[in-house]
Amino acid sequence: MRVLFTVYPSHAHLWPAVPVAWALQSAGHEVRVASHARFTDSIRATGLTAVALGDPSVDEARMRPDARPPAQPEEVLRYADALGLDDEGREHWIAYYQWLLNPISDYVRIDLPYAAELIDFAKAWQPDLLICDPTFACGPVAARVSGAAYARMLLGADYLGWSMDRLAERRDEVRAAGLSENPQADLVRPLAEKYGIEVDDELLYGQWSIDPMPPGMTLPTSAVKVPMRYVPFNGAEVLPEWLYERPQRPRVALSLGESTRRFIKGDWGRTPKIIEAVADLDIELVATLNSLQMEGIEHIPDNVRTIDWVTLTHLLPTCSAIIHHGGIGTYAASAALKVPQIVCDTGETLMMRSVQVDPRTMEDGTYRIGFEFGINEAVVETVTTWELPAKKLEATPTSNYVISRGAGTRLDHTTQSVEEIREMIQKVVTDPSYQAGAQAVFDDWLSMPSPSGVVPVLERLTAEHRR
């Protein structure tokens, strides 16, 4: 069969799909991966065939100054009240409504060429199955127009599915509050109507979803799920010579994510604390950080190796522990390689707040629409930036799961002293209970079907659902 993947132009969205794409290709199926034309080199580097959308000389949709901004906190909370959400539920809703709806809006715009080009390709190539990144929302329309079966490839907890269920359950209360009963449908509808497509639950949910999260990290939804082991892929790189041999003393990795540092200046003072904490420990810290993330560090101790980038699947087999930001890809690599985890997480809400700043500067931990370091740093006359919480979107569910399995602990740089962080790192490295917990996480991971193991399931569901 022919399988078309659609991915948001980011490594954090592409890499989770690579193992299942290769499993399908290795089983004899034709596979194509569609994304913005600027991202095709990254797709080709995985050994997969890319379909370029748009002009490579033009910025991708999120880099445009007219990209959709996050919703204001007042609007987010009006919905949360109408939905009757508790504190935990509010965080799930914030993740969906204030964070995920922004990228979801980017590739359904009818004033941009990407959706039309994807749909034209799908009509011409006639895929049997379209596997869609949930944030690349023109994919479902392309599937409906071409007659392909349609599945979502989840990248983490299913905030979209959870939120859709809450909106359906409380439709009357949402209407009574004067709010749209389905804000995602509002974003997709202009494109769907252009092609005579009805916006229904299947278009928004998918006919089924590939879910790579272990049971303790999933959210309950009414969506049909196909569980699949999250096999880590961090890019194809040459193995550095310094990783050929085991280290002389315990090695700890420090990784704070690939995507955040493209858009956010600084690190909320977190990295300087961690670097200071390890200075007196008998360990080697490998800090995979760039110059922006290293700001504020006046002295790098002798036991700290700084490197802009190294593939985690190369580094982690030599490590006794990892300190990381809570991203799902980093968690999965650590789980697959049985490495105890120290997850950076704070007790604050995920809510973003807008602030007006001097257009010539960006404050530590702020985000600006249409900005990316090294790509688009143009100064505009009026600048609204968004203050972000000092943690990754997935940090809390990741840290909760790791702690529940005894595989690690939580690092909160906003409340813990350098001494407390030092003691925490020492304990995770030396206490064998954390290695036992990492083994338990690995066992959870291994118990899930592999990408090749789900191929027959995908073949059967495709035969049932394609038109």
Protein backbone atom coordinates (compact mmCIF):
# COMPACT_ATOMS: atom_id res chain seq x y z
CA MET A 1 0.00 0.00 0.00
CA ARG A 2 0.95 3.67 -0.30
CA VAL A 3 1.46 5.56 2.97
CA LEU A 4 1.76 9.33 3.21
CA PHE A 5 3.08 10.92 6.41
CA THR A 6 2.51 14.62 7.05
CA VAL A 7 4.76 16.26 9.64
CA TYR A 8 5.16 19.71 11.10
CA PRO A 9 8.59 21.04 10.04
CA SER A 10 10.43 20.25 13.27
CA HIS A 11 12.75 17.41 14.27
CA ALA A 12 10.68 16.91 17.42
CA HIS A 13 7.73 16.05 15.13
CA LEU A 14 9.60 14.12 12.43
CA TRP A 15 11.85 11.86 14.48
CA PRO A 16 9.07 10.02 16.41
CA ALA A 17 7.52 8.99 13.08
CA VAL A 18 10.73 7.67 11.48
CA PRO A 19 10.74 4.15 13.06
CA VAL A 20 7.17 3.35 11.99
CA ALA A 21 7.75 4.90 8.56
CA TRP A 22 10.76 2.63 8.10
CA ALA A 23 8.85 -0.37 9.44
CA LEU A 24 6.21 0.19 6.76
CA GLN A 25 8.83 0.75 4.08
CA SER A 26 10.75 -2.36 5.14
CA ALA A 27 7.52 -4.36 4.87
CA GLY A 28 7.33 -3.40 1.20
CA HIS A 29 5.00 -0.41 1.36
CA GLU A 30 5.64 2.87 -0.48
CA VAL A 31 6.25 5.73 1.98
CA ARG A 32 6.34 9.48 1.40
CA VAL A 33 6.77 12.26 3.99
CA ALA A 34 5.28 15.69 3.26
CA SER A 35 6.29 18.91 4.99
CA HIS A 36 7.44 22.46 4.29
CA ALA A 37 10.01 22.63 1.49
CA ARG A 38 12.62 24.05 3.87
CA PHE A 39 12.43 20.84 5.91
CA THR A 40 12.98 18.33 3.13
CA ASP A 41 16.72 17.95 3.77
CA SER A 42 15.92 16.79 7.30
CA ILE A 43 13.46 14.24 5.92
CA ARG A 44 15.95 12.99 3.33
CA ALA A 45 18.59 12.58 6.05
CA THR A 46 16.40 9.87 7.62
CA GLY A 47 16.47 7.86 4.38
CA LEU A 48 12.82 8.62 3.60
CA THR A 49 11.36 10.24 0.47
CA ALA A 50 10.26 13.84 0.98
CA VAL A 51 7.37 15.73 -0.61
CA ALA A 52 8.11 19.46 -0.60
CA LEU A 53 5.27 21.88 0.12
CA GLY A 54 5.68 25.54 -0.72
CA ASP A 55 8.72 27.56 -1.73
CA PRO A 56 11.99 26.75 0.10
CA SER A 57 12.97 30.42 -0.06
CA VAL A 58 9.92 31.43 1.98
CA ASP A 59 9.72 31.14 5.76
CA GLU A 60 7.56 28.34 7.11
CA ALA A 61 4.15 29.31 8.45
CA ARG A 62 5.05 29.75 12.15
CA MET A 63 7.79 32.20 11.19
CA ARG A 64 5.34 34.60 9.57
CA PRO A 65 4.47 37.74 11.57
CA ASP A 66 0.76 37.02 10.99
CA ALA A 67 0.93 33.54 12.54
CA ARG A 68 -1.77 32.89 15.14
CA PRO A 69 -0.68 34.05 18.62
CA PRO A 70 -1.50 32.14 21.82
CA ALA A 71 -4.88 32.84 23.36
CA GLN A 72 -4.93 35.35 26.19
CA PRO A 73 -5.20 33.85 29.70
CA GLU A 74 -8.67 35.34 30.23
CA GLU A 75 -10.06 33.45 27.23
CA VAL A 76 -8.36 30.21 28.28
CA LEU A 77 -9.88 30.43 31.75
CA ARG A 78 -13.38 31.25 30.47
CA TYR A 79 -13.31 27.93 28.66
CA ALA A 80 -11.86 26.13 31.69
CA ASP A 81 -14.71 27.46 33.85
CA ALA A 82 -17.37 26.46 31.30
CA LEU A 83 -15.81 23.00 31.07
CA GLY A 84 -15.87 22.60 34.85
CA LEU A 85 -12.20 21.61 35.01
CA ASP A 86 -10.20 20.89 38.16
CA ASP A 87 -6.60 22.08 38.52
CA GLU A 88 -5.14 19.12 36.63
CA GLY A 89 -7.77 19.39 33.90
CA ARG A 90 -7.01 23.10 33.49
CA GLU A 91 -3.38 22.26 32.74
CA HIS A 92 -4.48 19.76 30.07
CA TRP A 93 -6.75 22.43 28.56
CA ILE A 94 -4.00 25.09 28.62
CA ALA A 95 -1.67 22.66 26.82
CA TYR A 96 -4.26 22.22 24.08
CA TYR A 97 -5.89 25.63 23.78
CA GLN A 98 -2.97 27.96 24.39
CA TRP A 99 -0.09 25.84 23.04
CA LEU A 100 -1.25 23.29 20.45
CA LEU A 101 -3.90 25.30 18.59
CA ASN A 102 -1.16 27.64 17.33
CA PRO A 103 0.73 25.09 15.18
CA ILE A 104 -2.60 23.44 14.31
CA SER A 105 -3.65 26.75 12.72
CA ASP A 106 -0.53 27.11 10.56
CA TYR A 107 -1.12 24.58 7.76
CA VAL A 108 -4.87 24.91 7.29
CA ARG A 109 -4.64 28.51 6.10
CA ILE A 110 -6.24 28.93 2.67
CA ASP A 111 -4.19 32.07 1.99
CA LEU A 112 -1.01 29.98 1.98
CA PRO A 113 -0.11 27.28 -0.60
CA TYR A 114 0.76 24.35 1.66
CA ALA A 115 -2.65 22.74 2.17
CA ALA A 116 -3.58 23.00 -1.51
CA GLU A 117 -0.27 21.49 -2.60
CA LEU A 118 -0.63 18.59 -0.14
CA ILE A 119 -4.17 17.90 -1.32
CA ASP A 120 -3.13 18.06 -4.98
CA PHE A 121 -0.33 15.57 -4.29
CA ALA A 122 -2.68 13.23 -2.41
CA LYS A 123 -5.21 13.30 -5.24
CA ALA A 124 -2.48 12.49 -7.75
CA TRP A 125 -0.57 9.86 -5.73
CA GLN A 126 -3.67 8.24 -4.18
CA PRO A 127 -2.31 7.05 -0.81
CA ASP A 128 -4.09 4.18 0.91
CA LEU A 129 -3.17 5.50 4.36
CA LEU A 130 -2.33 8.97 5.59
CA ILE A 131 -0.56 9.18 8.97
CA CYS A 132 -0.79 12.72 10.24
CA ASP A 133 1.11 14.68 12.83
CA PRO A 134 -1.83 16.08 14.90
CA THR A 135 -0.53 19.64 14.47
CA PHE A 136 -0.39 19.37 10.64
CA ALA A 137 -4.13 19.77 10.34
CA CYS A 138 -4.45 19.90 6.53
CA GLY A 139 -3.52 16.20 6.44
CA PRO A 140 -7.00 14.93 7.37
CA VAL A 141 -8.56 17.05 4.61
CA ALA A 142 -6.09 15.55 2.11
CA ALA A 143 -7.04 12.07 3.33
CA ARG A 144 -10.77 12.74 2.96
CA VAL A 145 -10.36 14.24 -0.54
CA SER A 146 -8.16 11.38 -1.77
CA GLY A 147 -10.10 8.58 -0.07
CA ALA A 148 -7.21 7.47 2.14
CA ALA A 149 -7.65 5.98 5.57
CA TYR A 150 -6.48 8.48 8.18
CA ALA A 151 -4.59 7.96 11.45
CA ARG A 152 -2.98 10.36 13.88
CA MET A 153 0.60 9.77 15.04
CA LEU A 154 0.55 11.01 18.63
CA LEU A 155 3.68 12.74 19.87
CA GLY A 156 2.85 12.60 23.55
CA ALA A 157 -0.23 12.79 25.76
CA ASP A 158 -3.37 13.24 23.65
CA TYR A 159 -4.37 16.72 24.82
CA LEU A 160 -6.34 17.19 21.60
CA GLY A 161 -8.47 14.08 22.07
CA TRP A 162 -8.98 14.77 25.78
CA SER A 163 -10.06 18.35 25.05
CA MET A 164 -12.42 17.29 22.26
CA ASP A 165 -14.16 14.92 24.68
CA ARG A 166 -14.54 17.67 27.29
CA LEU A 167 -15.98 20.07 24.70
CA ALA A 168 -18.49 17.45 23.56
CA GLU A 169 -19.53 16.64 27.14
CA ARG A 170 -20.07 20.30 28.07
CA ARG A 171 -21.35 21.65 24.77
CA ASP A 172 -24.36 23.39 26.33
CA GLU A 173 -22.28 25.05 29.05
CA VAL A 174 -19.72 26.25 26.48
CA ARG A 175 -22.46 27.75 24.31
CA ALA A 176 -24.08 29.40 27.34
CA ALA A 177 -20.75 31.08 28.09
CA GLY A 178 -20.76 32.59 24.59
CA LEU A 179 -17.81 30.48 23.45
CA SER A 180 -17.28 28.43 20.29
CA GLU A 181 -18.21 24.80 20.90
CA ASN A 182 -15.17 23.56 18.96
CA PRO A 183 -12.30 26.02 18.31
CA GLN A 184 -10.31 23.48 16.30
CA ALA A 185 -13.23 22.92 13.96
CA ASP A 186 -13.32 26.69 13.45
CA LEU A 187 -9.71 26.64 12.28
CA VAL A 188 -10.15 23.69 9.90
CA ARG A 189 -13.57 24.64 8.49
CA PRO A 190 -12.52 27.21 5.81
CA LEU A 191 -10.15 24.67 4.22
CA ALA A 192 -12.64 21.82 4.53
CA GLU A 193 -15.45 23.86 2.97
CA LYS A 194 -13.18 24.82 0.07
CA TYR A 195 -13.09 21.12 -0.83
CA GLY A 196 -16.67 20.30 0.11
CA ILE A 197 -15.63 18.36 3.23
CA GLU A 198 -17.74 18.12 6.37
CA VAL A 199 -15.92 18.89 9.61
CA ASP A 200 -16.81 15.96 11.85
CA ASP A 201 -15.18 14.08 14.72
CA GLU A 202 -13.37 11.73 12.35
CA LEU A 203 -11.73 14.65 10.55
CA LEU A 204 -10.51 16.08 13.86
CA TYR A 205 -9.80 12.85 15.76
CA GLY A 206 -8.67 10.51 13.00
CA GLN A 207 -10.12 7.05 12.38
CA TRP A 208 -7.57 5.77 14.87
CA SER A 209 -4.41 7.02 16.58
CA ILE A 210 -0.95 5.47 16.94
CA ASP A 211 -0.14 6.00 20.62
CA PRO A 212 3.51 5.61 21.73
CA MET A 213 2.90 6.48 25.39
CA PRO A 214 3.04 3.81 28.13
CA PRO A 215 -0.23 3.34 30.07
CA GLY A 216 0.92 5.53 32.96
CA MET A 217 1.44 8.53 30.66
CA THR A 218 -1.70 8.41 28.53
CA LEU A 219 -4.82 10.55 28.87
CA PRO A 220 -8.26 8.89 28.75
CA THR A 221 -10.05 9.69 25.49
CA SER A 222 -12.75 8.18 23.29
CA ALA A 223 -10.30 7.91 20.37
CA VAL A 224 -9.40 4.45 19.02
CA LYS A 225 -5.76 3.82 19.93
CA VAL A 226 -3.10 1.52 18.46
CA PRO A 227 -0.35 1.23 21.11
CA MET A 228 3.19 1.28 19.77
CA ARG A 229 6.59 1.35 21.44
CA TYR A 230 8.30 4.75 21.13
CA VAL A 231 11.56 3.70 19.47
CA PRO A 232 14.01 6.61 19.85
CA PHE A 233 15.50 8.15 16.73
CA ASN A 234 17.64 11.28 17.11
CA GLY A 235 19.06 11.66 13.63
CA ALA A 236 21.79 9.87 11.68
CA GLU A 237 25.19 11.12 12.88
CA VAL A 238 28.80 9.93 12.94
CA LEU A 239 29.68 8.36 16.30
CA PRO A 240 32.21 10.66 18.05
CA GLU A 241 35.50 8.97 18.95
CA TRP A 242 35.24 10.02 22.61
CA LEU A 243 32.19 7.75 22.92
CA TYR A 244 34.04 4.62 21.79
CA GLU A 245 35.01 3.65 25.35
CA ARG A 246 33.24 3.67 28.72
CA PRO A 247 34.03 6.73 30.88
CA GLN A 248 36.50 6.57 33.76
CA ARG A 249 33.86 7.81 36.24
CA PRO A 250 30.04 8.02 36.18
CA ARG A 251 28.84 10.08 33.24
CA VAL A 252 25.68 12.20 33.43
CA ALA A 253 24.03 13.76 30.38
CA LEU A 254 22.40 17.19 30.46
CA SER A 255 19.93 17.78 27.63
CA LEU A 256 17.35 20.57 27.54
CA GLY A 257 15.81 19.94 24.14
CA GLU A 258 16.42 20.66 20.47
CA SER A 259 13.38 22.79 19.67
CA THR A 260 13.14 25.20 22.62
CA ARG A 261 16.55 26.71 22.07
CA ARG A 262 15.58 27.72 18.54
CA PHE A 263 12.99 30.17 19.85
CA ILE A 264 13.72 30.93 23.51
CA LYS A 265 16.60 32.99 24.86
CA GLY A 266 18.32 31.77 27.99
CA ASP A 267 17.31 29.07 30.41
CA TRP A 268 15.58 30.80 33.35
CA GLY A 269 18.78 30.48 35.41
CA ARG A 270 18.48 26.69 35.47
CA THR A 271 21.71 25.68 33.73
CA PRO A 272 24.06 27.83 35.89
CA LYS A 273 22.64 26.14 39.00
CA ILE A 274 23.10 22.66 37.57
CA ILE A 275 26.65 23.39 36.39
CA GLU A 276 27.57 24.76 39.82
CA ALA A 277 25.99 21.75 41.53
CA VAL A 278 28.12 19.18 39.69
CA ALA A 279 31.42 21.02 40.12
CA ASP A 280 32.40 19.11 43.29
CA LEU A 281 30.99 15.72 42.29
CA ASP A 282 33.10 12.80 41.11
CA ILE A 283 31.22 12.55 37.84
CA GLU A 284 31.57 13.73 34.25
CA LEU A 285 28.74 15.94 33.01
CA VAL A 286 28.15 16.11 29.26
CA ALA A 287 26.11 19.26 28.65
CA THR A 288 24.51 19.24 25.19
CA LEU A 289 23.82 22.96 25.16
CA ASN A 290 24.40 25.83 22.76
CA SER A 291 25.80 29.28 23.58
CA LEU A 292 22.40 30.78 24.38
CA GLN A 293 21.63 28.05 26.90
CA MET A 294 25.07 28.56 28.47
CA GLU A 295 24.50 32.28 29.11
CA GLY A 296 25.19 33.32 32.68
CA ILE A 297 27.86 30.66 33.30
CA GLU A 298 31.12 32.36 34.22
CA HIS A 299 33.18 29.22 34.82
CA ILE A 300 32.91 25.70 33.38
CA PRO A 301 34.30 23.12 35.86
CA ASP A 302 36.92 20.60 34.73
CA ASN A 303 34.42 17.73 35.01
CA VAL A 304 31.99 19.32 32.54
CA ARG A 305 32.17 18.67 28.79
CA THR A 306 30.09 21.14 26.76
CA ILE A 307 29.00 20.20 23.25
CA ASP A 308 26.37 21.83 21.06
CA TRP A 309 24.89 18.55 19.84
CA VAL A 310 25.35 14.83 20.23
CA THR A 311 22.77 12.17 19.40
CA LEU A 312 21.22 10.87 22.61
CA THR A 313 21.12 7.30 21.34
CA HIS A 314 24.93 7.58 21.00
CA LEU A 315 25.53 9.31 24.34
CA LEU A 316 23.14 7.58 26.73
CA PRO A 317 24.60 4.04 26.58
CA THR A 318 27.67 5.48 28.36
CA CYS A 319 25.65 7.35 31.02
CA SER A 320 24.68 6.56 34.61
CA ALA A 321 21.91 9.20 34.60
CA ILE A 322 20.44 12.03 32.56
CA ILE A 323 19.16 15.47 33.57
CA HIS A 324 16.61 16.66 31.05
CA HIS A 325 13.71 19.01 30.34
CA GLY A 326 10.95 16.40 30.29
CA GLY A 327 10.50 16.19 26.53
CA ILE A 328 8.92 12.94 25.33
CA GLY A 329 11.71 12.14 22.87
CA THR A 330 14.37 12.52 25.56
CA TYR A 331 12.29 10.49 28.02
CA ALA A 332 11.86 7.71 25.43
CA ALA A 333 15.57 7.52 24.61
CA SER A 334 16.35 7.28 28.33
CA ALA A 335 13.67 4.62 28.86
CA ALA A 336 14.90 2.49 25.97
CA LEU A 337 18.48 2.62 27.26
CA LYS A 338 17.61 2.01 30.95
CA VAL A 339 19.02 5.33 32.17
CA PRO A 340 17.74 6.88 35.44
CA GLN A 341 16.22 10.31 34.84
CA ILE A 342 16.28 13.65 36.67
CA VAL A 343 13.44 15.61 35.09
CA CYS A 344 13.46 19.41 35.27
CA ASP A 345 9.97 20.47 36.35
CA THR A 346 8.50 23.32 38.33
CA GLY A 347 5.23 23.63 40.19
CA GLU A 348 3.99 26.51 38.04
CA THR A 349 1.13 26.53 35.55
CA LEU A 350 1.68 26.13 31.80
CA MET A 351 -0.13 29.42 31.16
CA MET A 352 1.66 31.88 28.88
CA ARG A 353 1.22 35.61 29.44
CA SER A 354 1.79 38.40 26.92
CA VAL A 355 4.08 41.34 27.64
CA GLN A 356 5.20 44.38 25.65
CA VAL A 357 8.98 44.70 25.41
CA ASP A 358 11.65 46.73 23.70
CA PRO A 359 11.70 45.37 20.12
CA ARG A 360 15.52 45.35 20.13
CA THR A 361 15.72 42.83 22.96
CA MET A 362 14.32 39.51 24.05
CA GLU A 363 14.13 38.77 27.74
CA ASP A 364 15.17 35.45 29.25
CA GLY A 365 12.48 32.80 28.76
CA THR A 366 10.27 34.75 26.35
CA TYR A 367 8.87 33.82 22.93
CA ARG A 368 8.04 36.11 20.00
CA ILE A 369 5.80 35.24 17.04
CA GLY A 370 7.83 34.83 13.85
CA PHE A 371 11.21 34.68 15.60
CA GLU A 372 13.90 31.98 15.39
CA PHE A 373 17.57 32.33 16.29
CA GLY A 374 19.77 32.21 13.22
CA ILE A 375 16.75 32.13 10.87
CA ASN A 376 14.57 35.16 11.49
CA GLU A 377 15.85 37.67 14.03
CA ALA A 378 14.43 40.76 12.34
CA VAL A 379 13.43 43.57 14.71
CA VAL A 380 9.88 44.77 14.18
CA GLU A 381 8.44 48.06 15.35
CA THR A 382 5.87 46.66 17.77
CA VAL A 383 6.71 43.52 19.65
CA THR A 384 4.51 41.37 21.85
CA THR A 385 6.38 38.57 23.53
CA TRP A 386 5.06 35.73 25.60
CA GLU A 387 6.43 34.87 29.01
CA LEU A 388 6.76 31.10 29.18
CA PRO A 389 6.79 28.90 32.27
CA ALA A 390 10.28 27.72 33.18
CA LYS A 391 9.51 24.16 32.11
CA LYS A 392 8.72 22.05 29.06
CA LEU A 393 5.08 21.43 28.10
CA GLU A 394 5.37 17.72 28.97
CA ALA A 395 7.62 18.11 32.03
CA THR A 396 5.04 17.40 34.72
CA PRO A 397 3.50 14.21 33.26
CA THR A 398 6.99 12.96 32.42
CA SER A 399 8.37 13.62 35.90
CA ASN A 400 5.27 12.13 37.54
CA TYR A 401 5.65 8.92 35.55
CA VAL A 402 9.39 8.60 36.13
CA ILE A 403 8.92 9.13 39.88
CA SER A 404 6.00 6.69 40.05
CA ARG A 405 8.22 3.94 38.59
CA GLY A 406 11.15 4.76 40.88
CA ALA A 407 13.30 5.61 37.85
CA GLY A 408 14.33 9.09 38.90
CA THR A 409 13.29 12.32 40.51
CA ARG A 410 12.25 15.92 39.87
CA LEU A 411 14.60 18.91 39.73
CA ASP A 412 12.95 22.28 40.46
CA HIS A 413 15.58 24.97 40.05
CA THR A 414 13.12 27.62 41.27
CA THR A 415 12.88 26.11 44.76
CA GLN A 416 15.94 23.89 45.22
CA SER A 417 19.34 25.18 46.26
CA VAL A 418 22.60 24.28 44.57
CA GLU A 419 23.39 22.01 47.52
CA GLU A 420 20.04 20.19 47.22
CA ILE A 421 20.55 19.70 43.49
CA ARG A 422 24.08 18.37 44.13
CA GLU A 423 22.78 15.83 46.66
CA MET A 424 19.99 14.78 44.27
CA ILE A 425 22.39 14.11 41.40
CA GLN A 426 24.76 12.17 43.65
CA LYS A 427 21.91 10.01 44.96
CA VAL A 428 20.48 9.17 41.53
CA VAL A 429 23.93 8.21 40.26
CA THR A 430 24.86 6.01 43.25
CA ASP A 431 21.59 4.60 44.65
CA PRO A 432 20.87 1.24 42.91
CA SER A 433 17.11 1.68 43.44
CA TYR A 434 17.03 4.21 40.60
CA GLN A 435 18.66 1.73 38.24
CA ALA A 436 16.01 -0.80 39.27
CA GLY A 437 13.35 1.81 38.49
CA ALA A 438 14.92 2.46 35.10
CA GLN A 439 14.70 -1.28 34.46
CA ALA A 440 10.97 -1.15 35.33
CA VAL A 441 10.45 1.72 32.87
CA PHE A 442 12.34 -0.27 30.24
CA ASP A 443 10.12 -3.29 30.90
CA ASP A 444 7.03 -1.10 30.40
CA TRP A 445 8.54 0.18 27.16
CA LEU A 446 9.49 -3.29 25.92
CA SER A 447 6.02 -4.68 26.64
CA MET A 448 4.48 -2.44 23.98
CA PRO A 449 4.33 -3.56 20.31
CA SER A 450 7.29 -2.53 18.17
CA PRO A 451 6.81 -0.40 15.03
CA SER A 452 7.21 -3.52 12.87
CA GLY A 453 4.73 -5.31 15.13
CA VAL A 454 1.99 -2.77 14.43
CA VAL A 455 2.38 -2.91 10.64
CA PRO A 456 -0.17 -5.76 10.27
CA VAL A 457 -2.61 -3.78 12.42
CA LEU A 458 -2.15 -0.70 10.22
CA GLU A 459 -2.67 -2.83 7.10
CA ARG A 460 -5.93 -4.25 8.48
CA LEU A 461 -7.29 -0.88 9.62
CA THR A 462 -6.39 0.70 6.30
CA ALA A 463 -8.30 -1.99 4.41
CA GLU A 464 -11.32 -1.36 6.65
CA HIS A 465 -11.32 2.46 6.40
CA ARG A 466 -10.01 3.59 3.02
CA ARG A 467 -12.64 4.73 0.56
